[in-house]
Protein backbone atom coordinates (compact mmCIF):
# COMPACT_ATOMS: atom_id res chain seq x y z
CA MET A 1 132.25 79.81 101.09
CA ILE A 2 133.85 78.98 104.44
CA ASP A 3 130.58 78.59 106.36
CA PRO A 4 129.24 75.65 104.26
CA ILE A 5 132.60 73.88 104.62
CA ILE A 6 132.58 74.35 108.38
CA ALA A 7 128.96 73.15 108.59
CA TYR A 8 129.83 70.10 106.48
CA LEU A 9 132.80 69.21 108.69
CA GLN A 10 130.63 69.64 111.78
CA ASP A 11 128.10 67.19 110.33
CA ILE A 12 130.86 64.65 109.65
CA ALA A 13 132.28 65.11 113.15
CA LEU A 14 128.80 64.62 114.63
CA LEU A 15 128.37 61.45 112.56
CA LEU A 16 131.64 60.02 113.87
CA VAL A 17 130.94 60.96 117.49
CA SER A 18 127.41 59.51 117.36
CA MET A 19 128.46 56.11 115.97
CA PRO A 20 128.64 54.45 119.42
CA ILE A 21 125.01 55.44 120.14
CA ASN A 22 123.58 54.70 116.66
CA TRP A 23 122.25 51.13 116.41
CA GLN A 24 122.62 51.24 112.61
CA GLU A 25 126.41 51.62 112.85
CA LYS A 26 128.89 48.77 113.20
CA PHE A 27 130.54 50.56 116.14
CA TYR A 28 127.36 50.89 118.18
CA VAL A 29 128.32 50.34 121.82
CA VAL A 30 126.16 47.21 122.15
CA TYR A 31 127.87 45.59 119.15
CA LEU A 32 131.25 46.48 120.61
CA LEU A 33 130.27 44.86 123.90
CA THR A 34 129.11 41.68 122.16
CA PHE A 35 132.37 41.74 120.17
CA ILE A 36 134.28 41.64 123.48
CA GLY A 37 131.93 39.04 124.95
CA LEU A 38 132.23 36.69 121.97
CA ALA A 39 135.98 37.32 121.86
CA TYR A 40 136.14 36.13 125.46
CA LEU A 41 134.18 33.00 124.51
CA SER A 42 136.70 32.35 121.72
CA TYR A 43 139.56 33.04 124.11
CA ARG A 44 138.30 30.36 126.48
CA LEU A 45 137.49 27.85 123.74
CA TYR A 46 140.41 28.15 121.35
CA TYR A 47 143.27 30.02 123.02
CA PRO A 48 143.80 28.56 126.51
CA SER A 49 147.59 28.79 126.26
CA VAL A 50 147.84 32.38 125.03
CA LYS A 51 150.02 34.49 127.30
CA GLY A 52 149.36 38.07 128.32
CA GLY A 53 145.76 37.75 129.44
CA PHE A 54 142.49 38.57 127.71
CA PRO A 55 143.02 42.35 127.09
CA GLY A 56 146.28 41.68 125.26
CA PHE A 57 144.63 38.86 123.33
CA VAL A 58 141.65 40.87 122.08
CA PHE A 59 143.52 44.13 121.40
CA PRO A 60 147.13 43.21 120.54
CA ARG A 61 149.31 46.26 119.87
CA GLU A 62 151.11 44.54 117.00
CA ILE A 63 147.80 44.31 115.11
CA TYR A 64 146.02 47.53 116.07
CA LEU A 65 149.14 49.67 115.58
CA HIS A 66 150.34 47.83 112.47
CA PRO A 67 151.02 50.07 109.41
CA SER A 68 148.28 48.23 107.51
CA ALA A 69 145.79 48.90 110.31
CA ARG A 70 146.72 52.60 110.32
CA ILE A 71 145.93 52.73 106.59
CA ASP A 72 142.54 51.16 107.40
CA TYR A 73 141.84 53.95 109.88
CA GLY A 74 142.73 56.56 107.27
CA ILE A 75 140.52 54.94 104.59
CA PHE A 76 137.64 54.75 107.06
CA LEU A 77 137.87 58.47 107.89
CA ILE A 78 138.27 59.58 104.27
CA ASN A 79 135.37 57.42 103.08
CA VAL A 80 133.15 58.85 105.80
CA LEU A 81 134.23 62.34 104.72
CA ILE A 82 133.34 61.79 101.05
CA SER A 83 130.33 59.50 101.58
CA PRO A 84 127.66 62.21 101.06
CA TRP A 85 129.06 62.76 97.54
CA LEU A 86 128.81 59.07 96.67
CA LEU A 87 125.05 58.62 97.00
CA VAL A 88 124.88 57.52 93.38
CA GLY A 89 121.46 56.41 92.26
CA ALA A 90 119.61 57.80 95.27
CA GLY A 91 115.93 57.03 94.71
CA LEU A 92 116.68 54.28 92.17
CA GLN A 93 115.22 51.56 94.37
CA ALA A 94 111.96 53.42 95.03
CA TRP A 95 111.55 54.43 91.39
CA LEU A 96 112.20 50.92 90.11
CA SER A 97 109.88 49.25 92.60
CA ILE A 98 107.02 51.68 91.88
CA GLU A 99 107.39 51.47 88.10
CA LEU A 100 107.70 47.68 88.08
CA GLY A 101 104.82 47.19 90.51
CA GLN A 102 102.50 49.45 88.49
CA TRP A 103 103.52 47.80 85.21
CA LEU A 104 102.81 44.32 86.57
CA VAL A 105 99.45 45.46 87.97
CA THR A 106 98.54 46.93 84.56
CA LEU A 107 99.47 43.69 82.80
CA ASN A 108 97.27 41.79 85.24
CA ASN A 109 94.08 43.68 84.33
CA ASN A 110 94.82 46.47 86.84
CA THR A 111 94.70 44.20 89.84
CA ALA A 112 97.17 42.58 92.19
CA ILE A 113 97.21 38.91 93.11
CA PHE A 114 96.25 39.61 96.73
CA THR A 115 94.53 42.77 97.91
CA GLY A 116 93.85 44.25 101.31
CA GLN A 117 95.93 45.38 104.25
CA TRP A 118 99.32 43.81 104.89
CA SER A 119 99.19 41.33 107.76
CA PRO A 120 102.05 40.75 110.23
CA LEU A 121 102.92 37.62 108.22
CA THR A 122 103.12 39.70 105.02
CA TYR A 123 105.52 42.09 106.72
CA ALA A 124 107.61 39.18 108.00
CA PHE A 125 107.89 37.71 104.49
CA PHE A 126 108.75 41.13 103.10
CA ILE A 127 111.52 41.70 105.67
CA LEU A 128 113.02 38.25 105.11
CA GLY A 129 112.75 38.46 101.33
CA TYR A 130 114.21 41.97 101.22
CA THR A 131 117.14 40.96 103.43
CA LEU A 132 117.82 37.83 101.38
CA THR A 133 117.77 39.90 98.19
CA ALA A 134 120.12 42.53 99.59
CA ASP A 135 122.44 39.79 100.84
CA PHE A 136 122.37 38.08 97.43
CA SER A 137 123.46 41.37 95.85
CA VAL A 138 126.48 41.36 98.19
CA TYR A 139 127.32 37.83 97.08
CA LEU A 140 127.03 38.76 93.38
CA VAL A 141 129.11 41.93 93.64
CA HIS A 142 131.73 40.19 95.76
CA ARG A 143 132.06 37.19 93.45
CA PHE A 144 132.03 39.41 90.35
CA HIS A 145 134.99 41.44 91.61
CA HIS A 146 136.96 38.28 92.36
CA SER A 147 136.18 36.81 88.94
CA SER A 148 136.76 39.92 86.82
CA ALA A 149 140.35 40.81 85.95
CA ILE A 150 139.18 44.34 85.15
CA PHE A 151 137.38 45.03 88.42
CA TRP A 152 139.51 42.93 90.77
CA PRO A 153 141.89 45.90 91.40
CA LEU A 154 139.04 47.72 93.18
CA HIS A 155 138.47 44.83 95.58
CA SER A 156 142.12 43.87 95.93
CA LEU A 157 142.49 46.90 98.21
CA HIS A 158 140.34 45.11 100.79
CA HIS A 159 142.36 41.90 100.49
CA SER A 160 145.72 43.66 100.68
CA ALA A 161 145.19 44.24 104.41
CA GLU A 162 148.09 42.60 106.24
CA VAL A 163 146.26 42.43 109.56
CA MET A 164 142.56 42.63 110.35
CA THR A 165 140.64 44.73 112.83
CA PRO A 166 136.92 45.59 112.77
CA VAL A 167 137.87 48.76 110.86
CA THR A 168 139.22 46.60 108.00
CA LEU A 169 135.58 46.11 107.00
CA PHE A 170 135.70 49.68 105.67
CA ARG A 171 138.94 49.18 103.72
CA LYS A 172 137.06 49.56 100.45
CA HIS A 173 137.62 51.76 97.43
CA PRO A 174 134.86 54.35 96.82
CA LEU A 175 134.22 52.90 93.34
CA TRP A 176 133.59 49.48 94.93
CA ASN A 177 131.10 51.11 97.30
CA ILE A 178 129.28 52.76 94.37
CA ILE A 179 129.01 49.51 92.39
CA ALA A 180 127.80 47.57 95.45
CA ARG A 181 125.24 50.26 96.27
CA VAL A 182 123.79 50.39 92.75
CA MET A 183 123.57 46.61 92.50
CA SER A 184 121.82 46.39 95.87
CA MET A 185 119.30 49.07 94.91
CA LEU A 186 118.58 47.38 91.57
CA LEU A 187 117.92 43.96 93.09
CA THR A 188 115.98 45.18 96.11
CA GLY A 189 113.98 47.50 93.84
CA LEU A 190 113.04 44.54 91.63
CA PHE A 191 112.10 42.46 94.66
CA GLN A 192 110.03 45.24 96.19
CA GLY A 193 108.21 45.93 92.90
CA ILE A 194 107.25 42.27 92.49
CA PHE A 195 106.24 41.96 96.14
CA VAL A 196 104.07 45.08 95.97
CA PHE A 197 102.38 43.64 92.86
CA VAL A 198 101.64 40.35 94.63
CA PHE A 199 100.43 42.09 97.80
CA LEU A 200 98.99 45.37 96.55
CA GLY A 201 100.18 48.41 98.47
CA GLY A 202 103.55 49.67 99.52
CA PRO A 203 105.21 48.94 102.85
CA GLY A 204 104.46 51.56 105.49
CA ILE A 205 106.91 53.62 107.47
CA GLU A 206 106.89 51.01 110.21
CA ILE A 207 108.77 48.64 107.90
CA LEU A 208 111.92 50.76 108.09
CA PHE A 209 112.93 49.37 111.48
CA GLY A 210 111.88 45.89 110.44
CA LEU A 211 114.18 45.91 107.43
CA ASN A 212 117.11 46.33 109.78
CA THR A 213 116.00 43.64 112.24
CA ILE A 214 118.09 40.85 110.72
CA TYR A 215 121.10 43.16 110.35
CA VAL A 216 120.81 44.11 114.01
CA VAL A 217 120.91 40.42 114.96
CA TYR A 218 123.83 39.91 112.57
CA ASN A 219 125.77 42.80 114.12
CA PHE A 220 124.89 41.60 117.61
CA PHE A 221 126.28 38.13 116.97
CA GLY A 222 129.82 38.95 116.10
CA ALA A 223 129.84 40.84 112.79
CA ASN A 224 132.86 42.79 114.05
CA LEU A 225 134.73 39.53 114.62
CA ARG A 226 134.74 38.79 110.88
CA HIS A 227 137.64 41.16 110.40
CA SER A 228 139.82 40.22 113.32
CA HIS A 229 142.39 37.64 114.40
CA ILE A 230 139.84 35.99 116.70
CA TRP A 231 138.47 32.64 115.54
CA LEU A 232 134.79 31.86 116.14
CA SER A 233 132.81 29.22 114.25
CA TRP A 234 129.09 28.42 114.38
CA GLY A 235 129.66 24.69 113.74
CA ARG A 236 128.83 22.73 110.60
CA PRO A 237 125.01 22.58 110.65
CA LEU A 238 124.48 26.31 111.29
CA SER A 239 127.33 27.30 108.97
CA HIS A 240 125.31 26.01 106.01
CA VAL A 241 122.88 28.87 106.68
CA PHE A 242 124.96 31.67 108.23
CA ILE A 243 128.50 32.86 107.52
CA SER A 244 130.53 32.68 110.74
CA PRO A 245 133.43 35.03 111.54
CA ALA A 246 135.81 32.11 110.99
CA MET A 247 134.39 31.47 107.51
CA HIS A 248 135.01 35.05 106.45
CA GLN A 249 138.53 34.98 107.85
CA ILE A 250 139.16 31.93 105.66
CA HIS A 251 138.03 34.04 102.70
CA HIS A 252 140.86 36.48 103.47
CA ASP A 253 143.40 33.66 103.15
CA PRO A 254 145.06 34.27 99.74
CA ASN A 255 144.81 30.55 98.96
CA ARG A 256 141.05 30.43 99.61
CA MET A 257 139.75 33.77 98.33
CA ARG A 258 137.26 32.04 96.04
CA LYS A 259 135.33 30.66 99.02
CA ASN A 260 132.70 32.18 101.33
CA TYR A 261 131.68 35.30 99.43
CA GLY A 262 128.52 35.75 101.50
CA GLU A 263 127.93 38.34 104.18
CA ILE A 264 125.07 37.13 106.39
CA PHE A 265 123.75 34.00 104.71
CA ALA A 266 125.82 31.01 103.59
CA LEU A 267 122.93 29.86 101.37
CA TRP A 268 124.36 31.51 98.23
CA ASP A 269 127.80 29.97 98.68
CA TRP A 270 126.16 26.62 99.38
CA ALA A 271 123.94 26.86 96.29
CA PHE A 272 126.72 27.98 93.92
CA GLY A 273 129.53 25.76 95.15
CA THR A 274 131.70 28.34 96.91
CA LEU A 275 131.00 27.30 100.51
CA TYR A 276 133.87 26.23 102.73
CA ILE A 277 133.10 25.21 106.33
CA PRO A 278 136.12 24.57 108.56
CA ARG A 279 135.84 21.46 110.70
CA GLN A 280 138.09 22.84 113.44
CA ARG A 281 140.14 25.91 114.24
CA GLU A 282 142.50 26.62 111.34
CA THR A 283 145.42 28.94 110.84
CA PHE A 284 144.90 31.41 108.04
CA GLU A 285 147.02 33.90 106.17
CA ILE A 286 146.07 37.48 105.44
CA GLY A 287 146.93 39.44 102.32
CA LEU A 288 147.38 38.94 98.59
CA GLY A 289 149.74 35.98 98.84
CA GLU A 290 153.30 35.06 99.55
CA GLY A 291 155.83 36.82 97.36
CA LYS A 292 153.38 39.53 96.29
CA ASP A 293 154.25 43.09 97.24
CA ASN A 294 151.47 45.11 98.81
CA PRO A 295 150.42 47.67 96.15
CA HIS A 296 148.48 49.70 98.74
CA ASP A 297 151.13 50.29 101.39
CA THR A 298 150.34 53.99 101.71
CA LEU A 299 147.05 55.84 102.07
CA ALA A 300 147.54 57.61 98.73
CA LYS A 301 148.21 54.32 96.92
CA ALA A 302 145.06 52.84 98.43
CA TYR A 303 143.03 55.33 96.39
CA TYR A 304 144.92 55.77 93.13
CA VAL A 305 146.56 52.37 92.50
CA PRO A 306 143.21 50.48 92.15
CA VAL A 307 142.03 53.03 89.55
CA VAL A 308 145.30 52.87 87.61
CA ASP A 309 145.26 49.06 87.67
CA LEU A 310 141.63 49.00 86.55
CA VAL A 311 142.42 51.28 83.59
CA VAL A 312 145.41 49.11 82.61
CA GLN A 313 143.28 45.95 82.77
CA LEU A 314 140.56 47.63 80.70
CA GLN A 315 143.11 48.71 78.08
CA ASN A 316 144.53 45.18 77.92
CA LYS A 317 141.04 43.78 77.44
CA LEU A 318 140.26 46.24 74.64
CA ILE A 319 143.55 45.42 72.90
CA SER A 320 142.77 41.70 73.17
CA VAL A 321 139.28 42.19 71.71
CA ARG A 322 140.63 44.35 68.90
CA LYS A 323 143.21 41.69 67.98
CA LYS A 324 140.51 39.01 67.85
CA LEU A 325 138.32 41.16 65.61
CA THR A 326 141.12 42.06 63.21
CA SER A 327 142.31 38.45 62.95
CA LYS A 328 138.97 37.26 61.63
């Protein structure tokens, strides 16, 4: 009994220690270096009068040692610890893409639209389409949680952060992570099934690195700045395509939470009317809003309060529906 537990903890410890040398992790050393480099660019552009020098600007003690930040660190560690148990729907994407692709081929007289080996251009379209689909799933899940009174409690944990550091990215309830994962697998599975039908044959093993290419570029160009106090904008033309760190910081302002839901691409916000592009450096608030107490001010509350609030909202909704039905 003890040996499996020890082995499991060793695996988790190895995962944490290896993050700085794993290019798929947000805390990969190269991404941390670009975080510091872009922070210095911001420092020179937007904060010429800040006292204390660059180190104090980029890593202020009052932010990184704030009680809210310490809760973020705890959530990050706990979620890493329980993550192997939350692989809900593992294999869903592959199953859905295979079944859908075969069904479409059968409907089309057992043939695809294009046959033959995938060309480099086919792979490029697949990588771009897959990334756009995965990013669209993020937009949908994010907007859904903001729009739904029932599911908002799960996401409100993320927005209850009172300061932001790169670790705030992981200030997410496990149930939110499950919903986001399932939605992403459903949409990417549908995309992959349709793509395989159009260009007969599945993507080879070499596609696995390619699928991460755009995310590597995204992480390289300041993904860790999104959850920080450091302002960096891409400018108006480029911000219609890509979400800048500044645009996501605006999303954390309690008065502008219904803007900039996207992760990588701004295209979805632009298309559906939720895009907000700042014209210049703006001040922004962090948290749930003035006068609202933080319901997640301890690590324990961060995990149980969202579930309790969700259940209460669900009960209220059921009572409301029942009243409507009985009044007819």
